[in-house]
Amino acid sequence: MIHFQNVYKRYPGSQDALSDVSFHLAPGQMTFLTGHSGAGKSTLLKLVSLIERPSRGNVLLNNINLGSVRNWRVPYVRRHIGIIFQDHRLLFDRTVFDNIALPLIIAGFRHQEIGRRVRAALDKVSLLGKEKQFPITLSGGEQQRVGIARAIVNKPPLLLADEPTGNLDPDLSWEIMQLFESFNQVGVTVLIASHDLELIRRMNYPVLRLSQGRMVSTGMEYAG
């Protein structure tokens, strides 16, 4: 599914954010990505989602070399990826329904199919009945669930989450992680960047560890 081969990423005017990173994430696997602040977690996820391109090395997604994907093809590749952010990145002038429907509208789905998929996604994150509300009226945990529903509405085979529980209390964090686990149990590949080591230990899935931009574990070890 995801294969990094000696990947480097340097931003203009800075040191390498990632240095000689190599790992393989198999299809259907759920894995955590951890490390100190500034270790390179977000950069790694940006490379997988084509927000950034590697400076050197190869990033492969389903055997597609992302470094050579032309700009016009980027949206087509991203349709196979659901992305969840810590700050939700919701449109506060749009309803919950419209926020979740956005990826389907961009992809050209018919109106009836959009409604069916949005309601199914809302059901999965326990927000049925909230589709007409605006995000500002929801709690932080509910806003995060809207972000998750938007990420899964297109039924992507890969979910990437960047600190999805960073602003939530421990109970809500556990509920969100249980959601990711339920997606993984039906075959979705899940990669979650998190600094919450206690939560990662409770989940007991393979862990990739970054330090100073370098991979210091292969993901074959478990947090527990």
C-alpha atoms as a PDB file:
ATOM      1  CA  MET A   1       0.000   0.000   0.000  1.00  0.00           C
ATOM      2  CA  ILE A   2       2.579   2.623   1.168  1.00  0.00           C
ATOM      3  CA  HIS A   3       6.288   2.163   0.463  1.00  0.00           C
ATOM      4  CA  PHE A   4       8.981   4.736   1.315  1.00  0.00           C
ATOM      5  CA  GLN A   5      12.402   4.129  -0.257  1.00  0.00           C
ATOM      6  CA  ASN A   6      15.239   6.269   1.153  1.00  0.00           C
ATOM      7  CA  VAL A   7      13.053   9.371   1.253  1.00  0.00           C
ATOM      8  CA  TYR A   8      14.378  12.849   2.024  1.00  0.00           C
ATOM      9  CA  LYS A   9      12.341  16.022   2.324  1.00  0.00           C
ATOM     10  CA  ARG A  10      13.915  19.450   2.684  1.00  0.00           C
ATOM     11  CA  TYR A  11      11.877  22.650   2.786  1.00  0.00           C
ATOM     12  CA  PRO A  12      13.456  25.819   1.326  1.00  0.00           C
ATOM     13  CA  GLY A  13      15.824  27.466   3.779  1.00  0.00           C
ATOM     14  CA  SER A  14      15.714  24.652   6.340  1.00  0.00           C
ATOM     15  CA  GLN A  15      17.324  21.367   7.285  1.00  0.00           C
ATOM     16  CA  ASP A  16      15.925  18.029   6.174  1.00  0.00           C
ATOM     17  CA  ALA A  17      12.463  17.416   7.646  1.00  0.00           C
ATOM     18  CA  LEU A  18      12.885  13.735   6.691  1.00  0.00           C
ATOM     19  CA  SER A  19      16.195  11.949   6.176  1.00  0.00           C
ATOM     20  CA  ASP A  20      16.637   8.551   4.516  1.00  0.00           C
ATOM     21  CA  VAL A  21      13.211   7.247   5.607  1.00  0.00           C
ATOM     22  CA  SER A  22      12.269   3.736   4.472  1.00  0.00           C
ATOM     23  CA  PHE A  23       9.292   1.594   5.516  1.00  0.00           C
ATOM     24  CA  HIS A  24       6.447  -0.469   4.094  1.00  0.00           C
ATOM     25  CA  LEU A  25       2.810  -0.401   5.192  1.00  0.00           C
ATOM     26  CA  ALA A  26       0.826  -3.369   3.896  1.00  0.00           C
ATOM     27  CA  PRO A  27      -2.783  -3.112   2.676  1.00  0.00           C
ATOM     28  CA  GLY A  28      -5.329  -3.508   5.471  1.00  0.00           C
ATOM     29  CA  GLN A  29      -2.858  -2.608   8.223  1.00  0.00           C
ATOM     30  CA  MET A  30      -3.498  -0.124  11.047  1.00  0.00           C
ATOM     31  CA  THR A  31      -0.328   1.604  12.230  1.00  0.00           C
ATOM     32  CA  PHE A  32       0.594   4.542  14.437  1.00  0.00           C
ATOM     33  CA  LEU A  33       3.242   7.111  13.541  1.00  0.00           C
ATOM     34  CA  THR A  34       4.809   8.767  16.563  1.00  0.00           C
ATOM     35  CA  GLY A  35       7.735  10.957  17.557  1.00  0.00           C
ATOM     36  CA  HIS A  36       8.513  14.276  19.240  1.00  0.00           C
ATOM     37  CA  SER A  37       7.131  17.584  17.983  1.00  0.00           C
ATOM     38  CA  GLY A  38       8.999  18.418  14.782  1.00  0.00           C
ATOM     39  CA  ALA A  39      10.083  14.812  14.200  1.00  0.00           C
ATOM     40  CA  GLY A  40       8.554  14.806  10.709  1.00  0.00           C
ATOM     41  CA  LYS A  41       5.185  13.113  11.259  1.00  0.00           C
ATOM     42  CA  SER A  42       3.092  15.704   9.412  1.00  0.00           C
ATOM     43  CA  THR A  43       5.631  15.923   6.598  1.00  0.00           C
ATOM     44  CA  LEU A  44       5.445  12.163   6.092  1.00  0.00           C
ATOM     45  CA  LEU A  45       1.650  12.278   5.831  1.00  0.00           C
ATOM     46  CA  LYS A  46       1.853  15.234   3.420  1.00  0.00           C
ATOM     47  CA  LEU A  47       4.095  13.187   1.133  1.00  0.00           C
ATOM     48  CA  VAL A  48       1.605  10.302   1.081  1.00  0.00           C
ATOM     49  CA  SER A  49      -1.301  12.663   0.351  1.00  0.00           C
ATOM     50  CA  LEU A  50       0.610  14.601  -2.347  1.00  0.00           C
ATOM     51  CA  ILE A  51       0.447  17.873  -0.423  1.00  0.00           C
ATOM     52  CA  GLU A  52       4.253  17.799  -0.661  1.00  0.00           C
ATOM     53  CA  ARG A  53       6.720  15.987  -2.931  1.00  0.00           C
ATOM     54  CA  PRO A  54       9.927  14.236  -1.791  1.00  0.00           C
ATOM     55  CA  SER A  55      13.265  15.975  -2.365  1.00  0.00           C
ATOM     56  CA  ARG A  56      14.933  12.595  -2.917  1.00  0.00           C
ATOM     57  CA  GLY A  57      13.879   8.960  -2.819  1.00  0.00           C
ATOM     58  CA  ASN A  58      10.619   7.281  -3.784  1.00  0.00           C
ATOM     59  CA  VAL A  59       7.171   7.371  -2.188  1.00  0.00           C
ATOM     60  CA  LEU A  60       4.967   4.622  -3.627  1.00  0.00           C
ATOM     61  CA  LEU A  61       1.214   4.294  -3.122  1.00  0.00           C
ATOM     62  CA  ASN A  62      -0.216   1.116  -4.619  1.00  0.00           C
ATOM     63  CA  ASN A  63       2.937   0.929  -6.760  1.00  0.00           C
ATOM     64  CA  ILE A  64       2.380   4.466  -8.097  1.00  0.00           C
ATOM     65  CA  ASN A  65       5.472   6.652  -7.677  1.00  0.00           C
ATOM     66  CA  LEU A  66       3.953   9.789  -6.146  1.00  0.00           C
ATOM     67  CA  GLY A  67       7.011  11.881  -6.959  1.00  0.00           C
ATOM     68  CA  SER A  68       6.296  11.526 -10.676  1.00  0.00           C
ATOM     69  CA  VAL A  69       2.512  12.072 -10.570  1.00  0.00           C
ATOM     70  CA  ARG A  70       1.634  15.069 -12.726  1.00  0.00           C
ATOM     71  CA  ASN A  71      -0.296  17.898 -11.101  1.00  0.00           C
ATOM     72  CA  TRP A  72      -3.459  17.262 -13.116  1.00  0.00           C
ATOM     73  CA  ARG A  73      -3.559  13.673 -11.807  1.00  0.00           C
ATOM     74  CA  VAL A  74      -3.214  14.590  -8.130  1.00  0.00           C
ATOM     75  CA  PRO A  75      -7.009  14.854  -7.480  1.00  0.00           C
ATOM     76  CA  TYR A  76      -7.531  11.384  -8.953  1.00  0.00           C
ATOM     77  CA  VAL A  77      -4.904   9.870  -6.645  1.00  0.00           C
ATOM     78  CA  ARG A  78      -6.357  11.681  -3.635  1.00  0.00           C
ATOM     79  CA  ARG A  79      -9.779  10.122  -4.236  1.00  0.00           C
ATOM     80  CA  HIS A  80      -8.299   6.934  -2.804  1.00  0.00           C
ATOM     81  CA  ILE A  81      -7.183   8.691   0.402  1.00  0.00           C
ATOM     82  CA  GLY A  82      -9.237   9.993   3.319  1.00  0.00           C
ATOM     83  CA  ILE A  83      -7.446  12.696   5.334  1.00  0.00           C
ATOM     84  CA  ILE A  84      -8.344  13.740   8.892  1.00  0.00           C
ATOM     85  CA  PHE A  85      -6.758  16.835  10.459  1.00  0.00           C
ATOM     86  CA  GLN A  86      -6.393  17.848  14.104  1.00  0.00           C
ATOM     87  CA  ASP A  87      -8.052  21.224  13.437  1.00  0.00           C
ATOM     88  CA  HIS A  88     -10.929  19.595  11.471  1.00  0.00           C
ATOM     89  CA  ARG A  89     -10.718  22.128   8.586  1.00  0.00           C
ATOM     90  CA  LEU A  90     -14.474  22.324   8.301  1.00  0.00           C
ATOM     91  CA  LEU A  91     -16.356  25.023   6.366  1.00  0.00           C
ATOM     92  CA  PHE A  92     -18.212  26.905   9.091  1.00  0.00           C
ATOM     93  CA  ASP A  93     -20.560  28.643   6.631  1.00  0.00           C
ATOM     94  CA  ARG A  94     -21.825  25.256   5.391  1.00  0.00           C
ATOM     95  CA  THR A  95     -23.991  22.682   7.120  1.00  0.00           C
ATOM     96  CA  VAL A  96     -22.693  19.347   8.365  1.00  0.00           C
ATOM     97  CA  PHE A  97     -24.308  17.708   5.327  1.00  0.00           C
ATOM     98  CA  ASP A  98     -22.593  20.092   2.897  1.00  0.00           C
ATOM     99  CA  ASN A  99     -19.196  19.612   4.584  1.00  0.00           C
ATOM    100  CA  ILE A 100     -19.389  15.841   4.278  1.00  0.00           C
ATOM    101  CA  ALA A 101     -20.800  15.960   0.735  1.00  0.00           C
ATOM    102  CA  LEU A 102     -17.966  18.124  -0.619  1.00  0.00           C
ATOM    103  CA  PRO A 103     -15.658  15.275  -1.779  1.00  0.00           C
ATOM    104  CA  LEU A 104     -18.596  13.611  -3.552  1.00  0.00           C
ATOM    105  CA  ILE A 105     -19.616  16.837  -5.294  1.00  0.00           C
ATOM    106  CA  ILE A 106     -16.040  17.339  -6.494  1.00  0.00           C
ATOM    107  CA  ALA A 107     -15.970  13.743  -7.759  1.00  0.00           C
ATOM    108  CA  GLY A 108     -19.189  14.286  -9.709  1.00  0.00           C
ATOM    109  CA  PHE A 109     -21.577  11.966  -7.860  1.00  0.00           C
ATOM    110  CA  ARG A 110     -25.304  12.256  -8.550  1.00  0.00           C
ATOM    111  CA  HIS A 111     -27.487  14.067  -6.016  1.00  0.00           C
ATOM    112  CA  GLN A 112     -29.327  10.931  -4.850  1.00  0.00           C
ATOM    113  CA  GLU A 113     -26.090   9.000  -4.323  1.00  0.00           C
ATOM    114  CA  ILE A 114     -24.586  11.929  -2.414  1.00  0.00           C
ATOM    115  CA  GLY A 115     -27.508  11.931   0.024  1.00  0.00           C
ATOM    116  CA  ARG A 116     -27.277   8.179   0.564  1.00  0.00           C
ATOM    117  CA  ARG A 117     -23.537   8.221   1.177  1.00  0.00           C
ATOM    118  CA  VAL A 118     -23.597  11.260   3.476  1.00  0.00           C
ATOM    119  CA  ARG A 119     -26.285   9.700   5.663  1.00  0.00           C
ATOM    120  CA  ALA A 120     -24.355   6.416   5.780  1.00  0.00           C
ATOM    121  CA  ALA A 121     -21.188   8.277   6.843  1.00  0.00           C
ATOM    122  CA  LEU A 122     -23.114  10.200   9.506  1.00  0.00           C
ATOM    123  CA  ASP A 123     -24.506   6.929  10.815  1.00  0.00           C
ATOM    124  CA  LYS A 124     -21.000   5.459  11.107  1.00  0.00           C
ATOM    125  CA  VAL A 125     -19.822   8.365  13.274  1.00  0.00           C
ATOM    126  CA  SER A 126     -23.072   8.511  15.316  1.00  0.00           C
ATOM    127  CA  LEU A 127     -24.180  11.924  14.022  1.00  0.00           C
ATOM    128  CA  LEU A 128     -27.420  11.058  12.240  1.00  0.00           C
ATOM    129  CA  GLY A 129     -29.866  13.908  12.750  1.00  0.00           C
ATOM    130  CA  LYS A 130     -27.125  16.575  12.824  1.00  0.00           C
ATOM    131  CA  GLU A 131     -26.841  17.048   9.042  1.00  0.00           C
ATOM    132  CA  LYS A 132     -28.676  20.412   9.013  1.00  0.00           C
ATOM    133  CA  GLN A 133     -26.632  21.918  11.840  1.00  0.00           C
ATOM    134  CA  PHE A 134     -23.621  24.165  11.344  1.00  0.00           C
ATOM    135  CA  PRO A 135     -20.226  23.057  12.699  1.00  0.00           C
ATOM    136  CA  ILE A 136     -20.025  26.009  15.112  1.00  0.00           C
ATOM    137  CA  THR A 137     -22.958  24.519  17.063  1.00  0.00           C
ATOM    138  CA  LEU A 138     -21.151  21.206  17.622  1.00  0.00           C
ATOM    139  CA  SER A 139     -18.706  20.158  20.327  1.00  0.00           C
ATOM    140  CA  GLY A 140     -15.045  19.573  19.501  1.00  0.00           C
ATOM    141  CA  GLY A 141     -15.565  15.815  19.475  1.00  0.00           C
ATOM    142  CA  GLU A 142     -18.561  16.148  17.152  1.00  0.00           C
ATOM    143  CA  GLN A 143     -16.598  18.410  14.809  1.00  0.00           C
ATOM    144  CA  GLN A 144     -13.870  15.785  14.646  1.00  0.00           C
ATOM    145  CA  ARG A 145     -16.477  13.159  13.793  1.00  0.00           C
ATOM    146  CA  VAL A 146     -17.723  15.365  10.951  1.00  0.00           C
ATOM    147  CA  GLY A 147     -14.139  15.507   9.676  1.00  0.00           C
ATOM    148  CA  ILE A 148     -13.933  11.716   9.856  1.00  0.00           C
ATOM    149  CA  ALA A 149     -17.265  11.328   8.052  1.00  0.00           C
ATOM    150  CA  ARG A 150     -16.009  13.614   5.274  1.00  0.00           C
ATOM    151  CA  ALA A 151     -12.858  11.498   4.989  1.00  0.00           C
ATOM    152  CA  ILE A 152     -14.726   8.185   4.684  1.00  0.00           C
ATOM    153  CA  VAL A 153     -17.729   9.274   2.581  1.00  0.00           C
ATOM    154  CA  ASN A 154     -15.864   8.417  -0.638  1.00  0.00           C
ATOM    155  CA  LYS A 155     -15.050   4.933   0.756  1.00  0.00           C
ATOM    156  CA  PRO A 156     -11.273   5.322   0.362  1.00  0.00           C
ATOM    157  CA  PRO A 157      -9.009   2.291   0.905  1.00  0.00           C
ATOM    158  CA  LEU A 158      -6.545   4.454   2.895  1.00  0.00           C
ATOM    159  CA  LEU A 159      -7.139   6.770   5.875  1.00  0.00           C
ATOM    160  CA  LEU A 160      -4.480   9.225   7.073  1.00  0.00           C
ATOM    161  CA  ALA A 161      -5.017  11.034  10.385  1.00  0.00           C
ATOM    162  CA  ASP A 162      -2.744  13.814  11.684  1.00  0.00           C
ATOM    163  CA  GLU A 163      -3.083  14.125  15.494  1.00  0.00           C
ATOM    164  CA  PRO A 164      -6.851  13.446  15.308  1.00  0.00           C
ATOM    165  CA  THR A 165      -7.260  13.414  19.106  1.00  0.00           C
ATOM    166  CA  GLY A 166      -4.868  16.241  19.949  1.00  0.00           C
ATOM    167  CA  ASN A 167      -7.620  18.594  21.149  1.00  0.00           C
ATOM    168  CA  LEU A 168      -9.861  15.984  22.793  1.00  0.00           C
ATOM    169  CA  ASP A 169     -10.117  14.646  26.337  1.00  0.00           C
ATOM    170  CA  PRO A 170      -9.084  11.016  27.033  1.00  0.00           C
ATOM    171  CA  ASP A 171     -12.604   9.555  26.813  1.00  0.00           C
ATOM    172  CA  LEU A 172     -13.352  11.233  23.481  1.00  0.00           C
ATOM    173  CA  SER A 173      -9.893  10.287  22.202  1.00  0.00           C
ATOM    174  CA  TRP A 174     -10.604   6.647  22.955  1.00  0.00           C
ATOM    175  CA  GLU A 175     -13.958   6.831  21.137  1.00  0.00           C
ATOM    176  CA  ILE A 176     -12.304   8.337  18.048  1.00  0.00           C
ATOM    177  CA  MET A 177      -9.649   5.609  18.045  1.00  0.00           C
ATOM    178  CA  GLN A 178     -12.373   2.967  18.282  1.00  0.00           C
ATOM    179  CA  LEU A 179     -13.878   4.481  15.138  1.00  0.00           C
ATOM    180  CA  PHE A 180     -10.583   4.116  13.274  1.00  0.00           C
ATOM    181  CA  GLU A 181     -10.320   0.537  14.496  1.00  0.00           C
ATOM    182  CA  SER A 182     -13.818  -0.223  13.152  1.00  0.00           C
ATOM    183  CA  PHE A 183     -12.810   1.094   9.706  1.00  0.00           C
ATOM    184  CA  ASN A 184      -9.668  -1.035   9.771  1.00  0.00           C
ATOM    185  CA  GLN A 185     -11.683  -4.119  10.656  1.00  0.00           C
ATOM    186  CA  VAL A 186     -13.498  -3.866   7.304  1.00  0.00           C
ATOM    187  CA  GLY A 187     -10.238  -3.655   5.359  1.00  0.00           C
ATOM    188  CA  VAL A 188      -9.323   0.037   5.338  1.00  0.00           C
ATOM    189  CA  THR A 189      -5.602   0.779   5.739  1.00  0.00           C
ATOM    190  CA  VAL A 190      -5.134   3.330   8.557  1.00  0.00           C
ATOM    191  CA  LEU A 191      -2.061   5.442   9.396  1.00  0.00           C
ATOM    192  CA  ILE A 192      -2.427   7.721  12.436  1.00  0.00           C
ATOM    193  CA  ALA A 193       0.153  10.297  13.526  1.00  0.00           C
ATOM    194  CA  SER A 194      -0.067  10.837  17.282  1.00  0.00           C
ATOM    195  CA  HIS A 195       2.102  11.863  20.220  1.00  0.00           C
ATOM    196  CA  ASP A 196      -0.305  10.308  22.755  1.00  0.00           C
ATOM    197  CA  LEU A 197       1.864   7.362  23.803  1.00  0.00           C
ATOM    198  CA  GLU A 198      -0.548   6.151  26.479  1.00  0.00           C
ATOM    199  CA  LEU A 199      -3.390   5.940  23.984  1.00  0.00           C
ATOM    200  CA  ILE A 200      -1.135   4.201  21.457  1.00  0.00           C
ATOM    201  CA  ARG A 201      -0.144   1.637  24.082  1.00  0.00           C
ATOM    202  CA  ARG A 202      -3.820   0.947  24.837  1.00  0.00           C
ATOM    203  CA  MET A 203      -4.566   0.357  21.161  1.00  0.00           C
ATOM    204  CA  ASN A 204      -1.599  -2.034  20.749  1.00  0.00           C
ATOM    205  CA  TYR A 205      -1.016  -1.726  17.007  1.00  0.00           C
ATOM    206  CA  PRO A 206       2.326  -1.542  15.139  1.00  0.00           C
ATOM    207  CA  VAL A 207       4.211   1.720  15.608  1.00  0.00           C
ATOM    208  CA  LEU A 208       6.500   3.708  13.310  1.00  0.00           C
ATOM    209  CA  ARG A 209       8.791   6.011  15.289  1.00  0.00           C
ATOM    210  CA  LEU A 210      10.437   9.152  13.935  1.00  0.00           C
ATOM    211  CA  SER A 211      13.214  11.110  15.623  1.00  0.00           C
ATOM    212  CA  GLN A 212      14.858  14.178  14.099  1.00  0.00           C
ATOM    213  CA  GLY A 213      13.405  13.233  10.734  1.00  0.00           C
ATOM    214  CA  ARG A 214      14.764   9.689  10.781  1.00  0.00           C
ATOM    215  CA  MET A 215      12.863   6.441  11.166  1.00  0.00           C
ATOM    216  CA  VAL A 216      14.059   4.729  14.339  1.00  0.00           C
ATOM    217  CA  SER A 217      11.683   1.759  14.105  1.00  0.00           C
ATOM    218  CA  THR A 218      10.261  -0.196  11.191  1.00  0.00           C
ATOM    219  CA  GLY A 219       6.670  -0.417  12.399  1.00  0.00           C
ATOM    220  CA  MET A 220       7.050  -4.083  13.231  1.00  0.00           C
ATOM    221  CA  GLU A 221       7.130  -3.450  16.984  1.00  0.00           C
ATOM    222  CA  TYR A 222       4.058  -2.910  19.137  1.00  0.00           C
ATOM    223  CA  ALA A 223       3.570  -0.118  21.666  1.00  0.00           C
ATOM    224  CA  GLY A 224       2.361  -2.525  24.335  1.00  0.00           C
END
